[in-house]
Each structure stands twice: as structure tokens, then as C-alpha cells.
Amino acid sequence: MVETIMAAAPMAQGGQDIEVKQLREFLGSYNRMTERCFLDCVSDFTARKPSDSEVSCSHRCLDKFLKVSQRVTTRFQEYQVQQNEGLLSAQAKR
């Protein structure tokens, strides 16, 4: 019983490490998107509120960023499936 708990502790730590890494990656992506859209869209600092064109630009920028991220993720998953199928077929031939 104690051995099981002791063995599970490193695996739990590994899971936490992965979660921390994923959170860092997400926050990095969020920060890059925010900075990119802000620099591309906001140009007038004389008003308290962003102009309609700045808001519209920000929405388009965010939408484009999310669609590209989703497309890249989908393509990466497809690539991973192809690689796994290739490995399986190579192992089956042996």
C-alpha cells in the first residue's frame, strides 16, 4: 500500500509539471496575441475609449488568431495520426 502511494507521487508530480507547462504555453500565446492585436489595431491614445474601428480591428485580429491556432492544432493532430499509423505499419511488417 505504501509502495503504491510512493510510486504514484512522482507520476502526480509529472502531471503537475505538464499542467504548468501547458498553462505557460497558453499564457505565452495569449500575451503574444494581445500584444500583436494591440500594436496592429490601437493607434489613438487621445480618447478614453477605443474607436469603433479599433474595436472592429481587435475583433478581427482575435478571430483570425484563434482560427489560425485551431487550424495549426488540427493539422498537427493529423500529422501525429499519420506518424503513428506509419509506426504501426512498420512494426507490423517486422
PDB file of N, CA and C in Angstrom:
ATOM      1  N   MET A   1       0.827  -1.200   0.000  1.00  0.00           N
ATOM      2  CA  MET A   1       0.000   0.000   0.000  1.00  0.00           C
ATOM      3  C   MET A   1       0.869   1.261   0.000  1.00  0.00           C
ATOM      4  N   VAL A   2       1.850   1.302   0.889  1.00  0.00           N
ATOM      5  CA  VAL A   2       2.744   2.451   0.981  1.00  0.00           C
ATOM      6  C   VAL A   2       3.550   2.579  -0.304  1.00  0.00           C
ATOM      7  N   GLU A   3       3.972   1.418  -0.876  1.00  0.00           N
ATOM      8  CA  GLU A   3       4.744   1.441  -2.111  1.00  0.00           C
ATOM      9  C   GLU A   3       3.915   2.043  -3.246  1.00  0.00           C
ATOM     10  N   THR A   4       2.640   1.723  -3.287  1.00  0.00           N
ATOM     11  CA  THR A   4       1.752   2.252  -4.321  1.00  0.00           C
ATOM     12  C   THR A   4       1.639   3.765  -4.209  1.00  0.00           C
ATOM     13  N   ILE A   5       1.482   4.254  -3.013  1.00  0.00           N
ATOM     14  CA  ILE A   5       1.377   5.700  -2.794  1.00  0.00           C
ATOM     15  C   ILE A   5       2.688   6.383  -3.154  1.00  0.00           C
ATOM     16  N   MET A   6       3.802   5.784  -2.756  1.00  0.00           N
ATOM     17  CA  MET A   6       5.117   6.351  -3.069  1.00  0.00           C
ATOM     18  C   MET A   6       5.370   6.355  -4.571  1.00  0.00           C
ATOM     19  N   ALA A   7       4.922   5.309  -5.261  1.00  0.00           N
ATOM     20  CA  ALA A   7       5.112   5.238  -6.709  1.00  0.00           C
ATOM     21  C   ALA A   7       4.217   6.232  -7.424  1.00  0.00           C
ATOM     22  N   ALA A   8       3.057   6.519  -6.877  1.00  0.00           N
ATOM     23  CA  ALA A   8       2.120   7.442  -7.515  1.00  0.00           C
ATOM     24  C   ALA A   8       2.567   8.898  -7.356  1.00  0.00           C
ATOM     25  N   ALA A   9       3.339   9.197  -6.347  1.00  0.00           N
ATOM     26  CA  ALA A   9       3.760  10.579  -6.103  1.00  0.00           C
ATOM     27  C   ALA A   9       4.559  11.166  -7.259  1.00  0.00           C
ATOM     28  N   PRO A  10       5.575  10.473  -7.800  1.00  0.00           N
ATOM     29  CA  PRO A  10       6.297  11.049  -8.952  1.00  0.00           C
ATOM     30  C   PRO A  10       5.404  11.221 -10.174  1.00  0.00           C
ATOM     31  N   MET A  11       4.457  10.295 -10.380  1.00  0.00           N
ATOM     32  CA  MET A  11       3.559  10.426 -11.535  1.00  0.00           C
ATOM     33  C   MET A  11       2.665  11.637 -11.364  1.00  0.00           C
ATOM     34  N   ALA A  12       2.198  11.889 -10.139  1.00  0.00           N
ATOM     35  CA  ALA A  12       1.373  13.068  -9.890  1.00  0.00           C
ATOM     36  C   ALA A  12       2.191  14.327 -10.118  1.00  0.00           C
ATOM     37  N   GLN A  13       3.445  14.307  -9.699  1.00  0.00           N
ATOM     38  CA  GLN A  13       4.325  15.456  -9.913  1.00  0.00           C
ATOM     39  C   GLN A  13       4.522  15.680 -11.409  1.00  0.00           C
ATOM     40  N   GLY A  14       4.691  14.599 -12.162  1.00  0.00           N
ATOM     41  CA  GLY A  14       4.843  14.714 -13.620  1.00  0.00           C
ATOM     42  C   GLY A  14       3.607  15.315 -14.259  1.00  0.00           C
ATOM     43  N   GLY A  15       2.426  14.939 -13.768  1.00  0.00           N
ATOM     44  CA  GLY A  15       1.182  15.509 -14.281  1.00  0.00           C
ATOM     45  C   GLY A  15       1.079  16.985 -13.986  1.00  0.00           C
ATOM     46  N   GLN A  16       1.534  17.373 -12.806  1.00  0.00           N
ATOM     47  CA  GLN A  16       1.518  18.792 -12.445  1.00  0.00           C
ATOM     48  C   GLN A  16       2.494  19.571 -13.318  1.00  0.00           C
ATOM     49  N   ASP A  17       3.653  18.970 -13.607  1.00  0.00           N
ATOM     50  CA  ASP A  17       4.631  19.622 -14.472  1.00  0.00           C
ATOM     51  C   ASP A  17       4.052  19.871 -15.858  1.00  0.00           C
ATOM     52  N   ILE A  18       3.326  18.887 -16.367  1.00  0.00           N
ATOM     53  CA  ILE A  18       2.703  19.032 -17.688  1.00  0.00           C
ATOM     54  C   ILE A  18       1.657  20.135 -17.655  1.00  0.00           C
ATOM     55  N   GLU A  19       0.860  20.158 -16.594  1.00  0.00           N
ATOM     56  CA  GLU A  19      -0.171  21.190 -16.476  1.00  0.00           C
ATOM     57  C   GLU A  19       0.453  22.583 -16.396  1.00  0.00           C
ATOM     58  N   VAL A  20       1.538  22.713 -15.658  1.00  0.00           N
ATOM     59  CA  VAL A  20       2.222  24.005 -15.544  1.00  0.00           C
ATOM     60  C   VAL A  20       2.774  24.413 -16.902  1.00  0.00           C
ATOM     61  N   LYS A  21       3.367  23.467 -17.615  1.00  0.00           N
ATOM     62  CA  LYS A  21       3.908  23.758 -18.943  1.00  0.00           C
ATOM     63  C   LYS A  21       2.806  24.193 -19.899  1.00  0.00           C
ATOM     64  N   GLN A  22       1.664  23.487 -19.861  1.00  0.00           N
ATOM     65  CA  GLN A  22       0.544  23.854 -20.727  1.00  0.00           C
ATOM     66  C   GLN A  22       0.008  25.236 -20.385  1.00  0.00           C
ATOM     67  N   LEU A  23      -0.063  25.554 -19.104  1.00  0.00           N
ATOM     68  CA  LEU A  23      -0.532  26.875 -18.684  1.00  0.00           C
ATOM     69  C   LEU A  23       0.425  27.958 -19.167  1.00  0.00           C
ATOM     70  N   ARG A  24       1.724  27.701 -19.036  1.00  0.00           N
ATOM     71  CA  ARG A  24       2.709  28.674 -19.520  1.00  0.00           C
ATOM     72  C   ARG A  24       2.585  28.885 -21.019  1.00  0.00           C
ATOM     73  N   GLU A  25       2.397  27.792 -21.769  1.00  0.00           N
ATOM     74  CA  GLU A  25       2.240  27.908 -23.220  1.00  0.00           C
ATOM     75  C   GLU A  25       0.991  28.712 -23.571  1.00  0.00           C
ATOM     76  N   PHE A  26      -0.106  28.446 -22.860  1.00  0.00           N
ATOM     77  CA  PHE A  26      -1.343  29.182 -23.102  1.00  0.00           C
ATOM     78  C   PHE A  26      -1.157  30.664 -22.806  1.00  0.00           C
ATOM     79  N   LEU A  27      -0.547  30.966 -21.663  1.00  0.00           N
ATOM     80  CA  LEU A  27      -0.352  32.371 -21.294  1.00  0.00           C
ATOM     81  C   LEU A  27       0.599  33.065 -22.265  1.00  0.00           C
ATOM     82  N   GLY A  28       1.604  32.356 -22.746  1.00  0.00           N
ATOM     83  CA  GLY A  28       2.510  32.926 -23.745  1.00  0.00           C
ATOM     84  C   GLY A  28       1.768  33.250 -25.032  1.00  0.00           C
ATOM     85  N   SER A  29       0.913  32.322 -25.470  1.00  0.00           N
ATOM     86  CA  SER A  29       0.117  32.564 -26.679  1.00  0.00           C
ATOM     87  C   SER A  29      -0.830  33.736 -26.482  1.00  0.00           C
ATOM     88  N   TYR A  30      -1.469  33.785 -25.321  1.00  0.00           N
ATOM     89  CA  TYR A  30      -2.394  34.877 -25.011  1.00  0.00           C
ATOM     90  C   TYR A  30      -1.667  36.215 -25.026  1.00  0.00           C
ATOM     91  N   ASN A  31      -0.502  36.255 -24.415  1.00  0.00           N
ATOM     92  CA  ASN A  31       0.262  37.502 -24.374  1.00  0.00           C
ATOM     93  C   ASN A  31       0.715  37.933 -25.763  1.00  0.00           C
ATOM     94  N   ARG A  32       1.174  36.987 -26.594  1.00  0.00           N
ATOM     95  CA  ARG A  32       1.581  37.322 -27.964  1.00  0.00           C
ATOM     96  C   ARG A  32       0.392  37.848 -28.765  1.00  0.00           C
ATOM     97  N   MET A  33      -0.754  37.190 -28.627  1.00  0.00           N
ATOM     98  CA  MET A  33      -1.949  37.625 -29.347  1.00  0.00           C
ATOM     99  C   MET A  33      -2.370  39.018 -28.900  1.00  0.00           C
ATOM    100  N   THR A  34      -2.392  39.240 -27.602  1.00  0.00           N
ATOM    101  CA  THR A  34      -2.796  40.541 -27.067  1.00  0.00           C
ATOM    102  C   THR A  34      -1.869  41.647 -27.563  1.00  0.00           C
ATOM    103  N   GLU A  35      -0.575  41.406 -27.476  1.00  0.00           N
ATOM    104  CA  GLU A  35       0.391  42.417 -27.907  1.00  0.00           C
ATOM    105  C   GLU A  35       0.280  42.670 -29.407  1.00  0.00           C
ATOM    106  N   ARG A  36       0.167  41.605 -30.176  1.00  0.00           N
ATOM    107  CA  ARG A  36       0.094  41.746 -31.638  1.00  0.00           C
ATOM    108  C   ARG A  36      -1.160  42.533 -32.048  1.00  0.00           C
ATOM    109  N   CYS A  37      -2.299  42.146 -31.515  1.00  0.00           N
ATOM    110  CA  CYS A  37      -3.544  42.830 -31.879  1.00  0.00           C
ATOM    111  C   CYS A  37      -3.546  44.278 -31.384  1.00  0.00           C
ATOM    112  N   PHE A  38      -3.012  44.509 -30.198  1.00  0.00           N
ATOM    113  CA  PHE A  38      -2.953  45.874 -29.677  1.00  0.00           C
ATOM    114  C   PHE A  38      -2.080  46.745 -30.582  1.00  0.00           C
ATOM    115  N   LEU A  39      -0.894  46.257 -30.919  1.00  0.00           N
ATOM    116  CA  LEU A  39       0.019  47.049 -31.749  1.00  0.00           C
ATOM    117  C   LEU A  39      -0.541  47.283 -33.148  1.00  0.00           C
ATOM    118  N   ASP A  40      -1.259  46.302 -33.682  1.00  0.00           N
ATOM    119  CA  ASP A  40      -1.828  46.432 -35.024  1.00  0.00           C
ATOM    120  C   ASP A  40      -3.074  47.311 -35.056  1.00  0.00           C
ATOM    121  N   CYS A  41      -3.834  47.333 -33.981  1.00  0.00           N
ATOM    122  CA  CYS A  41      -5.163  47.944 -34.044  1.00  0.00           C
ATOM    123  C   CYS A  41      -5.313  49.266 -33.290  1.00  0.00           C
ATOM    124  N   VAL A  42      -4.602  49.457 -32.226  1.00  0.00           N
ATOM    125  CA  VAL A  42      -4.799  50.650 -31.409  1.00  0.00           C
ATOM    126  C   VAL A  42      -3.757  51.700 -31.794  1.00  0.00           C
ATOM    127  N   SER A  43      -4.269  52.866 -32.188  1.00  0.00           N
ATOM    128  CA  SER A  43      -3.347  53.913 -32.630  1.00  0.00           C
ATOM    129  C   SER A  43      -3.654  55.282 -32.011  1.00  0.00           C
ATOM    130  N   ASP A  44      -4.855  55.454 -31.493  1.00  0.00           N
ATOM    131  CA  ASP A  44      -5.247  56.758 -30.956  1.00  0.00           C
ATOM    132  C   ASP A  44      -5.336  56.673 -29.436  1.00  0.00           C
ATOM    133  N   PHE A  45      -4.427  57.349 -28.761  1.00  0.00           N
ATOM    134  CA  PHE A  45      -4.406  57.331 -27.306  1.00  0.00           C
ATOM    135  C   PHE A  45      -4.966  58.617 -26.700  1.00  0.00           C
ATOM    136  N   THR A  46      -5.668  59.407 -27.503  1.00  0.00           N
ATOM    137  CA  THR A  46      -6.202  60.666 -27.001  1.00  0.00           C
ATOM    138  C   THR A  46      -7.608  60.515 -26.433  1.00  0.00           C
ATOM    139  N   ALA A  47      -8.273  59.404 -26.716  1.00  0.00           N
ATOM    140  CA  ALA A  47      -9.640  59.190 -26.230  1.00  0.00           C
ATOM    141  C   ALA A  47      -9.631  58.175 -25.091  1.00  0.00           C
ATOM    142  N   ARG A  48     -10.651  58.281 -24.257  1.00  0.00           N
ATOM    143  CA  ARG A  48     -10.771  57.349 -23.130  1.00  0.00           C
ATOM    144  C   ARG A  48     -11.132  55.952 -23.609  1.00  0.00           C
ATOM    145  N   LYS A  49     -11.942  55.875 -24.639  1.00  0.00           N
ATOM    146  CA  LYS A  49     -12.411  54.581 -25.146  1.00  0.00           C
ATOM    147  C   LYS A  49     -11.846  54.354 -26.538  1.00  0.00           C
ATOM    148  N   PRO A  50     -11.665  53.085 -26.894  1.00  0.00           N
ATOM    149  CA  PRO A  50     -11.189  52.809 -28.256  1.00  0.00           C
ATOM    150  C   PRO A  50     -12.256  53.178 -29.284  1.00  0.00           C
ATOM    151  N   SER A  51     -11.810  53.571 -30.450  1.00  0.00           N
ATOM    152  CA  SER A  51     -12.754  53.932 -31.516  1.00  0.00           C
ATOM    153  C   SER A  51     -13.414  52.668 -32.054  1.00  0.00           C
ATOM    154  N   ASP A  52     -14.496  52.863 -32.811  1.00  0.00           N
ATOM    155  CA  ASP A  52     -15.198  51.724 -33.411  1.00  0.00           C
ATOM    156  C   ASP A  52     -14.275  50.937 -34.333  1.00  0.00           C
ATOM    157  N   SER A  53     -13.425  51.639 -35.077  1.00  0.00           N
ATOM    158  CA  SER A  53     -12.522  50.944 -35.995  1.00  0.00           C
ATOM    159  C   SER A  53     -11.471  50.139 -35.219  1.00  0.00           C
ATOM    160  N   GLU A  54     -11.019  50.658 -34.086  1.00  0.00           N
ATOM    161  CA  GLU A  54     -10.059  49.916 -33.269  1.00  0.00           C
ATOM    162  C   GLU A  54     -10.699  48.665 -32.670  1.00  0.00           C
ATOM    163  N   VAL A  55     -11.924  48.788 -32.223  1.00  0.00           N
ATOM    164  CA  VAL A  55     -12.637  47.634 -31.663  1.00  0.00           C
ATOM    165  C   VAL A  55     -12.866  46.588 -32.748  1.00  0.00           C
ATOM    166  N   SER A  56     -13.307  47.041 -33.916  1.00  0.00           N
ATOM    167  CA  SER A  56     -13.543  46.130 -35.033  1.00  0.00           C
ATOM    168  C   SER A  56     -12.247  45.418 -35.441  1.00  0.00           C
ATOM    169  N   CYS A  57     -11.173  46.174 -35.526  1.00  0.00           N
ATOM    170  CA  CYS A  57      -9.868  45.597 -35.871  1.00  0.00           C
ATOM    171  C   CYS A  57      -9.452  44.567 -34.829  1.00  0.00           C
ATOM    172  N   SER A  58      -9.650  44.880 -33.565  1.00  0.00           N
ATOM    173  CA  SER A  58      -9.287  43.954 -32.492  1.00  0.00           C
ATOM    174  C   SER A  58     -10.077  42.654 -32.578  1.00  0.00           C
ATOM    175  N   HIS A  59     -11.360  42.770 -32.870  1.00  0.00           N
ATOM    176  CA  HIS A  59     -12.196  41.572 -33.010  1.00  0.00           C
ATOM    177  C   HIS A  59     -11.742  40.715 -34.190  1.00  0.00           C
ATOM    178  N   ARG A  60     -11.444  41.361 -35.313  1.00  0.00           N
ATOM    179  CA  ARG A  60     -10.963  40.607 -36.489  1.00  0.00           C
ATOM    180  C   ARG A  60      -9.625  39.937 -36.189  1.00  0.00           C
ATOM    181  N   CYS A  61      -8.755  40.665 -35.523  1.00  0.00           N
ATOM    182  CA  CYS A  61      -7.436  40.138 -35.180  1.00  0.00           C
ATOM    183  C   CYS A  61      -7.565  38.913 -34.267  1.00  0.00           C
ATOM    184  N   LEU A  62      -8.373  39.033 -33.246  1.00  0.00           N
ATOM    185  CA  LEU A  62      -8.592  37.928 -32.320  1.00  0.00           C
ATOM    186  C   LEU A  62      -9.196  36.731 -33.040  1.00  0.00           C
ATOM    187  N   ASP A  63     -10.187  36.991 -33.866  1.00  0.00           N
ATOM    188  CA  ASP A  63     -10.840  35.919 -34.607  1.00  0.00           C
ATOM    189  C   ASP A  63      -9.838  35.204 -35.513  1.00  0.00           C
ATOM    190  N   LYS A  64      -9.023  35.963 -36.208  1.00  0.00           N
ATOM    191  CA  LYS A  64      -8.021  35.377 -37.098  1.00  0.00           C
ATOM    192  C   LYS A  64      -7.007  34.555 -36.306  1.00  0.00           C
ATOM    193  N   PHE A  65      -6.550  35.085 -35.201  1.00  0.00           N
ATOM    194  CA  PHE A  65      -5.570  34.388 -34.376  1.00  0.00           C
ATOM    195  C   PHE A  65      -6.129  33.051 -33.885  1.00  0.00           C
ATOM    196  N   LEU A  66      -7.372  33.066 -33.404  1.00  0.00           N
ATOM    197  CA  LEU A  66      -7.987  31.836 -32.896  1.00  0.00           C
ATOM    198  C   LEU A  66      -8.196  30.818 -34.009  1.00  0.00           C
ATOM    199  N   LYS A  67      -8.621  31.280 -35.189  1.00  0.00           N
ATOM    200  CA  LYS A  67      -8.818  30.353 -36.308  1.00  0.00           C
ATOM    201  C   LYS A  67      -7.499  29.738 -36.764  1.00  0.00           C
ATOM    202  N   VAL A  68      -6.456  30.541 -36.820  1.00  0.00           N
ATOM    203  CA  VAL A  68      -5.139  30.017 -37.211  1.00  0.00           C
ATOM    204  C   VAL A  68      -4.648  29.020 -36.172  1.00  0.00           C
ATOM    205  N   SER A  69      -4.792  29.341 -34.898  1.00  0.00           N
ATOM    206  CA  SER A  69      -4.368  28.433 -33.834  1.00  0.00           C
ATOM    207  C   SER A  69      -5.115  27.107 -33.918  1.00  0.00           C
ATOM    208  N   GLN A  70      -6.419  27.186 -34.162  1.00  0.00           N
ATOM    209  CA  GLN A  70      -7.224  25.974 -34.281  1.00  0.00           C
ATOM    210  C   GLN A  70      -6.797  25.157 -35.496  1.00  0.00           C
ATOM    211  N   ARG A  71      -6.523  25.824 -36.596  1.00  0.00           N
ATOM    212  CA  ARG A  71      -6.112  25.117 -37.813  1.00  0.00           C
ATOM    213  C   ARG A  71      -4.748  24.444 -37.626  1.00  0.00           C
ATOM    214  N   VAL A  72      -3.819  25.139 -37.004  1.00  0.00           N
ATOM    215  CA  VAL A  72      -2.500  24.560 -36.748  1.00  0.00           C
ATOM    216  C   VAL A  72      -2.631  23.336 -35.838  1.00  0.00           C
ATOM    217  N   THR A  73      -3.442  23.448 -34.801  1.00  0.00           N
ATOM    218  CA  THR A  73      -3.655  22.329 -33.892  1.00  0.00           C
ATOM    219  C   THR A  73      -4.254  21.136 -34.626  1.00  0.00           C
ATOM    220  N   THR A  74      -5.242  21.387 -35.483  1.00  0.00           N
ATOM    221  CA  THR A  74      -5.866  20.312 -36.254  1.00  0.00           C
ATOM    222  C   THR A  74      -4.856  19.648 -37.172  1.00  0.00           C
ATOM    223  N   ARG A  75      -4.049  20.434 -37.868  1.00  0.00           N
ATOM    224  CA  ARG A  75      -3.039  19.877 -38.775  1.00  0.00           C
ATOM    225  C   ARG A  75      -1.996  19.074 -38.007  1.00  0.00           C
ATOM    226  N   PHE A  76      -1.605  19.576 -36.848  1.00  0.00           N
ATOM    227  CA  PHE A  76      -0.630  18.857 -36.030  1.00  0.00           C
ATOM    228  C   PHE A  76      -1.185  17.512 -35.592  1.00  0.00           C
ATOM    229  N   GLN A  77      -2.452  17.489 -35.192  1.00  0.00           N
ATOM    230  CA  GLN A  77      -3.079  16.228 -34.789  1.00  0.00           C
ATOM    231  C   GLN A  77      -3.142  15.259 -35.962  1.00  0.00           C
ATOM    232  N   GLU A  78      -3.474  15.755 -37.154  1.00  0.00           N
ATOM    233  CA  GLU A  78      -3.499  14.896 -38.335  1.00  0.00           C
ATOM    234  C   GLU A  78      -2.117  14.326 -38.615  1.00  0.00           C
ATOM    235  N   TYR A  79      -1.095  15.161 -38.480  1.00  0.00           N
ATOM    236  CA  TYR A  79       0.275  14.724 -38.698  1.00  0.00           C
ATOM    237  C   TYR A  79       0.661  13.643 -37.693  1.00  0.00           C
ATOM    238  N   GLN A  80       0.283  13.842 -36.436  1.00  0.00           N
ATOM    239  CA  GLN A  80       0.580  12.855 -35.398  1.00  0.00           C
ATOM    240  C   GLN A  80      -0.084  11.518 -35.705  1.00  0.00           C
ATOM    241  N   VAL A  81      -1.316  11.547 -36.166  1.00  0.00           N
ATOM    242  CA  VAL A  81      -2.030  10.315 -36.523  1.00  0.00           C
ATOM    243  C   VAL A  81      -1.302   9.612 -37.663  1.00  0.00           C
ATOM    244  N   GLN A  82      -0.884  10.361 -38.681  1.00  0.00           N
ATOM    245  CA  GLN A  82      -0.137   9.766 -39.796  1.00  0.00           C
ATOM    246  C   GLN A  82       1.159   9.137 -39.317  1.00  0.00           C
ATOM    247  N   GLN A  83       1.866   9.834 -38.442  1.00  0.00           N
ATOM    248  CA  GLN A  83       3.124   9.305 -37.922  1.00  0.00           C
ATOM    249  C   GLN A  83       2.889   8.016 -37.133  1.00  0.00           C
ATOM    250  N   ASN A  84       1.857   8.013 -36.307  1.00  0.00           N
ATOM    251  CA  ASN A  84       1.538   6.819 -35.522  1.00  0.00           C
ATOM    252  C   ASN A  84       1.133   5.656 -36.415  1.00  0.00           C
ATOM    253  N   GLU A  85       0.346   5.918 -37.451  1.00  0.00           N
ATOM    254  CA  GLU A  85      -0.034   4.872 -38.382  1.00  0.00           C
ATOM    255  C   GLU A  85       1.184   4.319 -39.107  1.00  0.00           C
ATOM    256  N   GLY A  86       2.110   5.214 -39.480  1.00  0.00           N
ATOM    257  CA  GLY A  86       3.334   4.779 -40.119  1.00  0.00           C
ATOM    258  C   GLY A  86       4.169   3.882 -39.217  1.00  0.00           C
ATOM    259  N   LEU A  87       4.250   4.233 -37.949  1.00  0.00           N
ATOM    260  CA  LEU A  87       4.996   3.418 -36.989  1.00  0.00           C
ATOM    261  C   LEU A  87       4.341   2.062 -36.797  1.00  0.00           C
ATOM    262  N   LEU A  88       3.017   2.062 -36.716  1.00  0.00           N
ATOM    263  CA  LEU A  88       2.300   0.806 -36.539  1.00  0.00           C
ATOM    264  C   LEU A  88       2.474  -0.115 -37.741  1.00  0.00           C
ATOM    265  N   SER A  89       2.404   0.455 -38.941  1.00  0.00           N
ATOM    266  CA  SER A  89       2.563  -0.384 -40.136  1.00  0.00           C
ATOM    267  C   SER A  89       3.991  -0.881 -40.263  1.00  0.00           C
ATOM    268  N   ALA A  90       4.972  -0.075 -39.850  1.00  0.00           N
ATOM    269  CA  ALA A  90       6.375  -0.511 -39.873  1.00  0.00           C
ATOM    270  C   ALA A  90       6.592  -1.643 -38.870  1.00  0.00           C
ATOM    271  N   GLN A  91       5.968  -1.555 -37.726  1.00  0.00           N
ATOM    272  CA  GLN A  91       6.110  -2.615 -36.728  1.00  0.00           C
ATOM    273  C   GLN A  91       5.388  -3.895 -37.166  1.00  0.00           C
ATOM    274  N   ALA A  92       4.274  -3.721 -37.876  1.00  0.00           N
ATOM    275  CA  ALA A  92       3.516  -4.892 -38.341  1.00  0.00           C
ATOM    276  C   ALA A  92       4.296  -5.653 -39.409  1.00  0.00           C
ATOM    277  N   LYS A  93       5.121  -4.984 -40.180  1.00  0.00           N
ATOM    278  CA  LYS A  93       5.898  -5.623 -41.233  1.00  0.00           C
ATOM    279  C   LYS A  93       7.044  -6.456 -40.682  1.00  0.00           C
ATOM    280  N   ARG A  94       7.449  -6.182 -39.460  1.00  0.00           N
ATOM    281  CA  ARG A  94       8.570  -6.919 -38.854  1.00  0.00           C
ATOM    282  C   ARG A  94       8.174  -8.261 -38.472  1.00  0.00           C
TER     283      ARG A  94
END
